[in-house]
Amino acid sequence: MLIEIKPVGIVKTNFSDEEVKNAWLTGGVKGVIEVFPEFKDALDGIDGFSHIILVAWLHKVKPSERTVLRVKHRRLTRLGVPLEALPEVGVFCTDSPHRPNPIGISIVKLERRSGRLLYVSGLDLFNGTPIIDIKAYTPDRSIKGLKVPRWYRELEELVRRYGGGTFSANIHDNA
């Protein structure tokens, strides 16, 4: 089966890849989503939404990284958690870019729109990342009663112990 996907826009940001990688600790960076002219009419009605969902093709993932099936949450080592303390889990349990289909989903704040340019904050995508879809973030998408497995809660405890903070504001102890 062949699946063909055509980008609808592209990420523009003045931040380096390294700055974007490190910004997950501070809530992301600012940037602009440039929607291509042929998709301009698809933005009608987007004004007034506080947040949008970006579906992106993670274009910097190498072919060898698309065979990865198990990963550790390596970015938590930046918080002081030793790599050997991190559990290895299936890539589908994480937001690792190294996955069979390097598709990323990012929820960003829509600061303003100017024509086919969407000014956003909270961005965690690199400059030049192709955007393959945009969706409005609506109240019906908000999950109530979210549950996570024990290993995930233990991961948060490791972050608290080694780094003194949290890596997720949405952890619930009801799993």
Protein backbone atom coordinates (compact mmCIF):
# COMPACT_ATOMS: atom_id res chain seq x y z
CA MET A 1 0.00 0.00 0.00
CA LEU A 2 1.37 3.39 -0.96
CA ILE A 3 0.38 6.41 1.10
CA GLU A 4 1.10 9.79 -0.40
CA ILE A 5 1.17 12.83 1.85
CA LYS A 6 1.55 16.40 0.63
CA PRO A 7 2.69 19.05 3.12
CA VAL A 8 0.24 21.91 3.69
CA GLY A 9 2.85 24.23 5.16
CA ILE A 10 6.23 24.59 6.81
CA VAL A 11 7.62 25.65 10.19
CA LYS A 12 9.61 28.88 10.31
CA THR A 13 11.56 29.69 13.46
CA ASN A 14 14.75 31.57 14.23
CA PHE A 15 15.73 29.07 16.91
CA SER A 16 18.43 26.47 16.25
CA ASP A 17 17.66 22.74 16.43
CA GLU A 18 19.50 22.56 19.75
CA GLU A 19 17.47 25.46 21.18
CA VAL A 20 14.23 23.78 20.08
CA LYS A 21 15.35 20.45 21.62
CA ASN A 22 16.10 22.13 24.94
CA ALA A 23 12.93 24.24 24.96
CA TRP A 24 10.72 21.32 26.06
CA LEU A 25 11.74 22.23 29.61
CA THR A 26 10.43 25.77 29.21
CA GLY A 27 7.36 25.19 27.08
CA GLY A 28 8.70 25.47 23.55
CA VAL A 29 9.71 28.31 21.26
CA LYS A 30 7.94 30.88 19.10
CA GLY A 31 7.58 30.41 15.40
CA VAL A 32 5.41 30.80 12.34
CA ILE A 33 3.54 28.14 10.41
CA GLU A 34 3.54 29.21 6.79
CA VAL A 35 0.56 27.58 5.11
CA PHE A 36 1.12 27.13 1.39
CA PRO A 37 -1.03 29.35 -0.88
CA GLU A 38 -3.13 26.48 -2.27
CA PHE A 39 -4.31 25.68 1.28
CA LYS A 40 -5.07 29.26 2.39
CA ASP A 41 -8.85 28.74 2.30
CA ALA A 42 -8.49 25.82 4.74
CA LEU A 43 -7.65 28.40 7.43
CA ASP A 44 -11.10 30.05 7.28
CA GLY A 45 -12.53 30.01 10.80
CA ILE A 46 -9.27 29.26 12.63
CA ASP A 47 -9.14 32.76 14.12
CA GLY A 48 -10.28 32.74 17.73
CA PHE A 49 -8.96 29.29 18.66
CA SER A 50 -6.38 29.55 21.42
CA HIS A 51 -4.54 26.38 20.41
CA ILE A 52 -4.02 24.30 17.30
CA ILE A 53 -2.70 20.81 16.68
CA LEU A 54 0.13 20.49 14.19
CA VAL A 55 0.75 17.16 12.49
CA ALA A 56 4.30 17.19 11.16
CA TRP A 57 6.66 15.04 9.15
CA LEU A 58 9.86 14.82 11.21
CA HIS A 59 12.11 15.29 8.20
CA LYS A 60 15.42 15.02 10.06
CA VAL A 61 14.85 11.41 11.14
CA LYS A 62 17.33 9.17 9.30
CA PRO A 63 16.20 5.93 7.61
CA SER A 64 18.11 3.88 10.20
CA GLU A 65 16.19 5.65 12.98
CA ARG A 66 12.90 4.51 11.42
CA THR A 67 13.64 0.91 12.44
CA VAL A 68 13.71 1.73 16.17
CA LEU A 69 10.99 -0.10 18.11
CA ARG A 70 12.17 0.30 21.74
CA VAL A 71 13.56 3.46 23.35
CA LYS A 72 14.44 5.12 26.63
CA HIS A 73 13.26 8.64 27.46
CA ARG A 74 16.80 9.93 26.82
CA ARG A 75 15.93 13.59 27.11
CA LEU A 76 15.36 13.01 30.84
CA THR A 77 19.13 12.63 31.21
CA ARG A 78 19.19 16.43 30.76
CA LEU A 79 17.40 16.58 34.11
CA GLY A 80 20.06 14.46 35.77
CA VAL A 81 18.37 11.06 35.52
CA PRO A 82 21.02 8.41 34.75
CA LEU A 83 20.43 6.63 31.44
CA GLU A 84 20.65 3.22 33.14
CA ALA A 85 17.79 4.20 35.48
CA LEU A 86 15.41 4.82 32.59
CA PRO A 87 13.11 1.97 31.50
CA GLU A 88 13.15 0.80 27.90
CA VAL A 89 9.67 0.85 26.39
CA GLY A 90 8.05 0.50 22.99
CA VAL A 91 8.40 3.59 20.81
CA PHE A 92 4.61 3.84 20.52
CA CYS A 93 4.55 4.71 24.27
CA THR A 94 6.71 7.78 23.69
CA ASP A 95 7.05 10.89 21.61
CA SER A 96 10.47 9.84 20.31
CA PRO A 97 11.02 11.01 16.74
CA HIS A 98 12.76 7.69 16.01
CA ARG A 99 9.85 5.56 14.88
CA PRO A 100 8.65 3.66 11.80
CA ASN A 101 6.76 6.70 10.47
CA PRO A 102 8.33 9.90 11.79
CA ILE A 103 5.09 11.78 12.32
CA GLY A 104 4.93 14.28 15.15
CA ILE A 105 1.94 15.84 16.83
CA SER A 106 2.33 19.15 18.59
CA ILE A 107 -0.22 21.32 20.36
CA VAL A 108 0.76 24.98 20.16
CA LYS A 109 -0.76 28.26 21.20
CA LEU A 110 -2.09 30.25 18.27
CA GLU A 111 -0.94 33.79 19.06
CA ARG A 112 -2.34 35.35 15.89
CA ARG A 113 -3.00 34.85 12.21
CA SER A 114 -1.90 37.07 9.35
CA GLY A 115 -3.24 35.76 6.07
CA ARG A 116 -1.71 32.32 5.64
CA LEU A 117 0.81 32.81 8.44
CA LEU A 118 0.05 31.35 11.86
CA TYR A 119 2.15 32.85 14.66
CA VAL A 120 2.52 30.28 17.41
CA SER A 121 4.24 29.68 20.74
CA GLY A 122 5.00 26.44 22.53
CA LEU A 123 6.53 25.08 19.35
CA ASP A 124 8.75 21.98 19.54
CA LEU A 125 9.42 21.53 15.83
CA PHE A 126 12.56 22.48 13.91
CA ASN A 127 12.82 25.21 11.32
CA GLY A 128 11.83 23.75 7.94
CA THR A 129 9.67 20.94 9.36
CA PRO A 130 6.90 20.08 6.89
CA ILE A 131 3.38 20.41 8.33
CA ILE A 132 1.09 17.72 6.96
CA ASP A 133 -2.10 18.80 8.75
CA ILE A 134 -3.50 21.40 11.12
CA LYS A 135 -6.47 20.90 13.42
CA ALA A 136 -8.18 23.21 15.86
CA TYR A 137 -7.77 22.16 19.49
CA THR A 138 -11.35 22.04 20.76
CA PRO A 139 -12.81 21.25 24.21
CA ASP A 140 -14.06 17.85 23.05
CA ARG A 141 -10.40 16.78 22.70
CA SER A 142 -9.71 17.36 26.40
CA ILE A 143 -9.30 14.02 28.15
CA LYS A 144 -10.83 13.53 31.57
CA GLY A 145 -9.79 10.66 33.79
CA LEU A 146 -6.46 10.18 32.04
CA LYS A 147 -4.59 7.09 33.19
CA VAL A 148 -0.96 6.16 32.77
CA PRO A 149 0.84 2.88 33.51
CA ARG A 150 2.94 2.33 36.61
CA TRP A 151 6.24 2.59 34.71
CA TYR A 152 5.27 6.11 33.63
CA ARG A 153 4.54 7.22 37.19
CA GLU A 154 7.86 5.68 38.25
CA LEU A 155 9.55 7.67 35.50
CA GLU A 156 8.11 10.88 36.88
CA GLU A 157 9.38 9.89 40.33
CA LEU A 158 12.88 9.44 38.88
CA VAL A 159 12.70 12.93 37.41
CA ARG A 160 11.59 14.33 40.79
CA ARG A 161 14.41 12.51 42.57
CA TYR A 162 17.23 13.43 40.19
CA GLY A 163 16.09 16.66 38.63
CA GLY A 164 13.75 18.15 41.16
CA GLY A 165 11.01 18.85 38.64
CA THR A 166 8.49 17.07 36.48
CA PHE A 167 8.42 16.28 32.79
CA SER A 168 4.67 16.11 32.50
CA ALA A 169 2.04 18.37 33.96
CA ASN A 170 -0.64 15.80 33.15
CA ILE A 171 0.36 12.85 35.34
CA HIS A 172 -2.51 11.38 37.30
CA ASP A 173 -2.14 8.78 40.04
CA ASN A 174 -5.28 6.87 39.12
CA ALA A 175 -3.79 4.27 36.77
